[in-house]
N, C-alpha and C. Protein backbone atom coordinates (compact mmCIF):
# COMPACT_ATOMS: atom_id res chain seq x y z
N MET A 1 95.76 82.24 82.36
CA MET A 1 96.11 83.64 82.06
C MET A 1 97.03 82.91 81.32
N LYS A 2 97.24 83.38 80.02
CA LYS A 2 98.19 83.32 79.05
C LYS A 2 99.07 84.59 78.86
N VAL A 3 100.24 84.34 78.89
CA VAL A 3 101.14 85.73 78.87
C VAL A 3 102.23 85.20 77.73
N ASN A 4 102.64 86.37 77.03
CA ASN A 4 103.45 86.33 75.82
C ASN A 4 104.11 87.39 76.24
N LEU A 5 105.83 86.83 76.91
CA LEU A 5 106.47 87.67 77.24
C LEU A 5 107.16 88.60 76.50
N ALA A 6 107.58 88.41 74.99
CA ALA A 6 107.90 89.23 74.20
C ALA A 6 107.17 90.53 74.36
N GLU A 7 105.84 90.09 73.96
CA GLU A 7 104.89 91.14 73.98
C GLU A 7 104.82 92.11 75.31
N LYS A 8 104.97 91.73 76.35
CA LYS A 8 104.94 92.29 77.70
C LYS A 8 106.42 93.17 77.64
N LEU A 9 107.23 92.27 77.76
CA LEU A 9 108.67 93.01 77.64
C LEU A 9 109.09 94.10 76.78
N ALA A 10 108.19 93.97 75.89
CA ALA A 10 108.26 95.24 74.61
C ALA A 10 107.69 96.50 75.07
N LYS A 11 106.84 96.28 76.22
CA LYS A 11 105.74 97.36 76.79
C LYS A 11 107.05 98.49 77.94
N ILE A 12 108.12 97.41 78.34
CA ILE A 12 109.06 98.16 79.49
C ILE A 12 109.93 98.72 78.79
N SER A 13 110.23 100.10 79.23
CA SER A 13 111.44 100.97 78.38
C SER A 13 112.22 101.36 79.38
N THR A 14 112.19 100.92 80.49
CA THR A 14 113.13 101.28 81.79
C THR A 14 114.02 100.26 82.02
N HIS A 15 115.03 100.47 82.62
CA HIS A 15 115.96 99.66 83.46
C HIS A 15 115.72 99.33 84.84
N TRP A 16 116.22 98.19 85.09
CA TRP A 16 115.88 98.11 86.90
C TRP A 16 114.88 98.51 87.18
N ASP A 17 113.57 98.33 86.78
CA ASP A 17 112.39 98.71 86.94
C ASP A 17 111.16 97.47 86.62
N PRO A 18 111.13 96.55 87.73
CA PRO A 18 110.41 95.22 87.58
C PRO A 18 108.89 95.44 87.38
N HIS A 19 108.27 94.88 86.63
CA HIS A 19 106.79 95.15 86.25
C HIS A 19 106.02 93.93 86.57
N VAL A 20 104.70 93.77 87.39
CA VAL A 20 104.17 92.56 87.49
C VAL A 20 103.63 91.96 86.35
N ALA A 21 104.03 90.80 86.07
CA ALA A 21 103.07 90.00 84.75
C ALA A 21 101.78 89.14 85.10
N ALA A 22 102.13 88.61 86.25
CA ALA A 22 101.18 87.93 87.17
C ALA A 22 101.25 87.81 88.44
N GLU A 23 100.17 87.31 89.37
CA GLU A 23 100.44 86.65 90.61
C GLU A 23 99.65 85.47 90.85
N LEU A 24 100.51 84.68 91.62
CA LEU A 24 99.89 83.41 92.03
C LEU A 24 100.68 83.11 93.44
N ASN A 25 99.53 82.55 94.18
CA ASN A 25 99.82 82.21 95.84
C ASN A 25 100.70 82.92 96.40
N GLY A 26 100.71 84.21 96.35
CA GLY A 26 101.50 85.16 97.17
C GLY A 26 102.87 85.29 96.53
N GLN A 27 103.13 85.04 95.24
CA GLN A 27 104.40 85.14 94.76
C GLN A 27 103.79 86.28 93.44
N CYS A 28 104.99 86.71 93.07
CA CYS A 28 104.99 87.60 91.64
C CYS A 28 105.96 87.06 90.76
N VAL A 29 105.06 86.89 89.25
CA VAL A 29 105.96 86.73 88.05
C VAL A 29 106.39 88.16 87.62
N LYS A 30 107.78 88.63 87.49
CA LYS A 30 108.11 90.07 87.27
C LYS A 30 109.03 90.11 86.20
N LEU A 31 108.69 90.86 85.25
CA LEU A 31 109.24 91.08 84.22
C LEU A 31 110.02 92.22 84.22
N ALA A 32 111.73 92.34 83.74
CA ALA A 32 112.40 93.58 83.93
C ALA A 32 113.40 93.62 82.59
N LYS A 33 113.78 94.65 82.66
CA LYS A 33 115.13 94.81 81.45
C LYS A 33 116.08 95.45 82.42
N LEU A 34 117.34 94.93 82.36
CA LEU A 34 118.55 95.43 82.80
C LEU A 34 119.53 95.78 81.98
N HIS A 35 120.48 96.52 82.80
CA HIS A 35 121.52 97.16 81.83
C HIS A 35 122.32 97.95 82.91
N GLY A 36 123.70 97.50 82.98
CA GLY A 36 124.89 98.23 83.63
C GLY A 36 124.73 97.32 84.82
N ALA A 37 125.43 97.64 86.01
CA ALA A 37 125.50 97.20 87.27
C ALA A 37 124.63 97.69 88.46
N PHE A 38 123.87 97.10 89.16
CA PHE A 38 122.80 96.98 90.00
C PHE A 38 123.88 97.32 91.33
N ILE A 39 123.14 97.26 92.74
CA ILE A 39 123.92 97.51 93.73
C ILE A 39 123.77 95.99 94.72
N TRP A 40 125.03 95.91 95.35
CA TRP A 40 125.16 94.98 96.37
C TRP A 40 123.68 94.94 97.41
N HIS A 41 123.32 93.87 97.48
CA HIS A 41 121.91 93.50 98.31
C HIS A 41 121.85 92.35 98.72
N LYS A 42 120.78 92.23 99.39
CA LYS A 42 120.32 90.78 100.06
C LYS A 42 118.87 90.78 100.57
N HIS A 43 118.10 89.57 100.37
CA HIS A 43 116.90 89.56 100.83
C HIS A 43 116.56 88.47 102.11
N ASP A 44 116.67 89.15 103.20
CA ASP A 44 116.74 88.35 104.30
C ASP A 44 115.86 87.26 104.78
N ASP A 45 114.81 87.34 103.97
CA ASP A 45 113.72 86.24 104.27
C ASP A 45 112.86 85.83 102.76
N GLU A 46 113.51 85.89 101.64
CA GLU A 46 112.89 85.54 100.31
C GLU A 46 114.10 84.76 99.60
N ASP A 47 114.22 83.77 98.79
CA ASP A 47 114.98 83.44 97.75
C ASP A 47 114.29 84.18 96.53
N GLU A 48 115.19 84.20 95.63
CA GLU A 48 114.80 84.72 94.38
C GLU A 48 115.39 84.24 93.33
N LEU A 49 114.17 83.88 92.12
CA LEU A 49 114.62 83.14 90.83
C LEU A 49 114.96 84.50 90.04
N PHE A 50 116.12 84.55 89.06
CA PHE A 50 116.21 85.28 87.86
C PHE A 50 115.88 84.28 86.42
N LEU A 51 115.38 84.18 85.72
CA LEU A 51 115.37 83.42 84.46
C LEU A 51 115.43 84.51 83.00
N VAL A 52 116.65 84.05 82.47
CA VAL A 52 117.06 85.02 81.49
C VAL A 52 116.54 84.77 80.05
N VAL A 53 115.62 85.64 79.85
CA VAL A 53 114.72 85.49 78.51
C VAL A 53 115.32 85.79 77.11
N LYS A 54 116.25 87.00 77.48
CA LYS A 54 116.99 87.37 76.40
C LYS A 54 118.22 87.93 76.65
N GLY A 55 119.70 87.79 76.15
CA GLY A 55 120.61 88.21 76.42
C GLY A 55 121.66 87.29 77.62
N SER A 56 122.28 87.95 78.39
CA SER A 56 123.35 87.33 79.29
C SER A 56 123.21 87.99 80.71
N LEU A 57 123.21 87.30 81.62
CA LEU A 57 123.38 88.39 82.66
C LEU A 57 124.65 87.48 83.87
N ARG A 58 125.32 88.25 84.41
CA ARG A 58 126.40 87.93 85.57
C ARG A 58 125.70 88.45 86.99
N MET A 59 125.99 87.50 87.57
CA MET A 59 125.43 87.27 89.29
C MET A 59 126.41 87.47 89.94
N ALA A 60 127.05 88.66 90.49
CA ALA A 60 127.80 88.64 91.52
C ALA A 60 127.68 88.44 92.77
N PHE A 61 128.69 87.53 93.36
CA PHE A 61 128.59 86.88 94.91
C PHE A 61 129.63 87.21 95.28
N ARG A 62 129.59 87.57 96.63
CA ARG A 62 130.50 88.02 97.53
C ARG A 62 132.15 87.22 97.49
N ASP A 63 131.98 85.82 96.92
CA ASP A 63 133.16 84.81 96.70
C ASP A 63 133.54 84.17 95.36
N ARG A 64 132.42 84.95 94.49
CA ARG A 64 132.31 84.36 92.99
C ARG A 64 131.38 85.09 92.10
N GLU A 65 131.38 84.44 90.51
CA GLU A 65 130.57 85.04 89.94
C GLU A 65 129.66 84.18 89.14
N GLU A 66 128.71 84.16 88.54
CA GLU A 66 128.01 83.20 87.83
C GLU A 66 127.57 83.86 86.69
N VAL A 67 127.35 83.26 85.14
CA VAL A 67 126.82 83.84 84.26
C VAL A 67 125.59 82.77 83.74
N ILE A 68 124.53 83.87 83.83
CA ILE A 68 123.08 83.17 83.28
C ILE A 68 123.08 83.58 81.93
N ASN A 69 122.93 82.68 81.03
CA ASN A 69 122.73 82.93 79.33
C ASN A 69 121.24 82.73 79.40
N GLU A 70 120.84 82.95 78.04
CA GLU A 70 119.42 82.84 77.68
C GLU A 70 118.69 81.49 77.90
N GLY A 71 117.66 81.30 78.35
CA GLY A 71 117.19 79.98 78.75
C GLY A 71 117.58 79.33 79.87
N GLU A 72 118.59 80.22 80.80
CA GLU A 72 118.78 79.61 81.99
C GLU A 72 118.34 80.23 83.07
N PHE A 73 118.09 79.96 84.44
CA PHE A 73 117.94 80.42 85.44
C PHE A 73 118.81 80.39 86.83
N ILE A 74 118.91 81.11 87.63
CA ILE A 74 119.70 80.97 88.88
C ILE A 74 118.65 81.42 90.25
N VAL A 75 118.90 80.67 91.21
CA VAL A 75 118.26 80.97 92.36
C VAL A 75 119.20 81.60 93.29
N VAL A 76 118.73 82.81 93.90
CA VAL A 76 119.76 83.34 94.90
C VAL A 76 118.92 83.01 96.01
N PRO A 77 119.60 82.22 96.94
CA PRO A 77 119.11 82.12 98.38
C PRO A 77 119.06 83.16 99.32
N LYS A 78 117.98 82.97 100.20
CA LYS A 78 117.69 84.39 101.10
C LYS A 78 119.07 84.55 101.94
N GLY A 79 119.27 85.67 102.08
CA GLY A 79 120.23 86.08 102.98
C GLY A 79 121.64 86.11 102.22
N VAL A 80 121.47 85.60 100.97
CA VAL A 80 122.90 85.96 100.35
C VAL A 80 122.98 87.05 99.51
N GLU A 81 124.38 88.09 99.70
CA GLU A 81 124.36 89.16 99.16
C GLU A 81 124.96 88.43 97.74
N HIS A 82 124.21 89.77 96.71
CA HIS A 82 124.15 89.54 95.42
C HIS A 82 124.23 90.73 94.63
N LYS A 83 124.54 90.94 93.35
CA LYS A 83 125.04 92.26 92.50
C LYS A 83 124.67 91.75 91.22
N PRO A 84 123.45 91.81 90.31
CA PRO A 84 123.27 91.31 89.00
C PRO A 84 124.01 92.62 88.17
N ILE A 85 124.60 92.02 87.11
CA ILE A 85 125.20 92.88 86.39
C ILE A 85 124.76 92.55 84.97
N ALA A 86 124.64 93.67 83.99
CA ALA A 86 124.08 93.34 82.44
C ALA A 86 125.33 94.17 81.91
N ASP A 87 126.13 93.79 80.89
CA ASP A 87 127.14 94.56 80.60
C ASP A 87 126.41 95.10 78.96
N LYS A 88 125.30 94.28 78.23
CA LYS A 88 124.37 94.72 77.54
C LYS A 88 123.05 94.43 78.23
N GLU A 89 122.14 94.98 77.46
CA GLU A 89 120.36 94.97 77.96
C GLU A 89 120.11 93.47 77.96
N VAL A 90 119.87 93.07 79.11
CA VAL A 90 119.03 92.00 79.36
C VAL A 90 117.53 91.56 79.86
N GLU A 91 117.08 90.81 79.26
CA GLU A 91 115.71 90.80 79.73
C GLU A 91 115.40 89.86 80.61
N VAL A 92 114.70 89.72 81.62
CA VAL A 92 114.68 88.85 82.68
C VAL A 92 113.36 88.98 83.00
N MET A 93 112.89 87.23 83.59
CA MET A 93 111.57 86.97 84.50
C MET A 93 112.19 86.78 85.73
N LEU A 94 111.62 87.14 86.88
CA LEU A 94 111.85 87.13 88.13
C LEU A 94 110.80 86.37 88.68
N PHE A 95 110.73 85.46 89.84
CA PHE A 95 109.75 84.66 90.55
C PHE A 95 110.02 84.89 91.95
N GLU A 96 109.22 85.73 92.93
CA GLU A 96 109.47 85.81 94.23
C GLU A 96 108.26 86.14 95.06
N PRO A 97 108.21 86.06 96.21
CA PRO A 97 107.22 86.72 96.87
C PRO A 97 107.02 88.45 96.57
N LYS A 98 105.62 88.46 96.55
CA LYS A 98 104.84 89.72 96.20
C LYS A 98 105.63 90.74 97.21
N GLU A 99 105.95 90.45 98.55
CA GLU A 99 106.58 91.55 99.00
C GLU A 99 107.96 92.04 98.90
N THR A 100 108.55 91.18 98.26
CA THR A 100 110.36 91.42 97.92
C THR A 100 110.54 92.72 97.33
N LEU A 101 111.46 93.43 97.73
CA LEU A 101 111.50 94.76 97.14
C LEU A 101 112.69 94.50 96.12
N ASN A 102 112.98 94.99 95.05
CA ASN A 102 114.22 94.67 94.36
C ASN A 102 115.39 95.15 94.73
N THR A 103 115.45 96.06 96.06
CA THR A 103 117.06 96.45 96.33
C THR A 103 117.35 95.81 97.87
N GLY A 104 115.89 94.77 97.90
CA GLY A 104 116.27 94.14 99.28
C GLY A 104 116.67 94.86 100.54
N ASP A 105 117.59 94.57 101.25
CA ASP A 105 117.98 95.32 102.73
C ASP A 105 118.36 96.94 102.06
N GLN A 106 118.65 97.04 101.26
CA GLN A 106 119.00 98.65 100.75
C GLN A 106 117.89 99.42 100.74
N ASP A 107 117.99 100.47 101.04
CA ASP A 107 117.15 101.61 100.65
C ASP A 107 118.13 102.66 99.89
N HIS A 108 117.57 102.57 98.83
CA HIS A 108 118.23 103.02 97.33
C HIS A 108 117.41 103.93 96.62
N ALA A 109 117.85 104.81 95.78
CA ALA A 109 117.39 105.51 94.43
C ALA A 109 116.71 104.86 93.25
N LEU A 110 117.27 103.32 93.52
CA LEU A 110 116.75 102.18 92.44
C LEU A 110 115.65 101.37 93.08
N THR A 111 115.44 101.80 94.51
CA THR A 111 114.07 100.94 94.91
C THR A 111 112.77 101.39 94.44
N LYS A 112 112.21 100.07 94.09
CA LYS A 112 110.81 100.32 93.41
C LYS A 112 109.75 99.62 94.37
N LYS A 113 109.20 100.88 95.33
CA LYS A 113 108.15 100.27 96.23
C LYS A 113 106.74 99.74 95.70
N GLN A 114 106.27 100.56 94.50
CA GLN A 114 105.12 100.31 94.20
C GLN A 114 105.35 99.73 92.40
N LEU A 115 104.93 98.47 92.12
CA LEU A 115 105.15 97.96 90.70
C LEU A 115 104.17 98.11 90.31
N LYS A 116 104.48 98.63 88.96
CA LYS A 116 103.52 98.35 87.85
C LYS A 116 103.13 97.35 87.18
N HIS A 117 101.89 97.12 86.88
CA HIS A 117 101.15 95.69 86.12
C HIS A 117 101.42 96.21 84.70
N ILE A 118 101.68 94.85 84.20
CA ILE A 118 101.82 95.08 82.74
C ILE A 118 100.81 93.84 82.30
């Protein structure tokens, strides 16, 4: 299955709303557009990979902040509290287990329990 990231991301018009672009071995490749600050949360059982396709993302941790630029990725280990921040719109690809909720251990208005497939 061949996927063109730019074409798929062009179909997304909302922020903090991950869409499934592909599934493999119980994992999902998700695409999302981010803008503004998300909420503090953690994933008790899953690591999370954020690949910045376009723009620049700040990942806040309780003890530091990392800047992830276009073409770079960060792996947030399971159990680590984090808060993604996008000062300008950022396009990202996420790689994580299928059951991973975007808000992790937090039940919030931004929680997406049913993801759209693109």
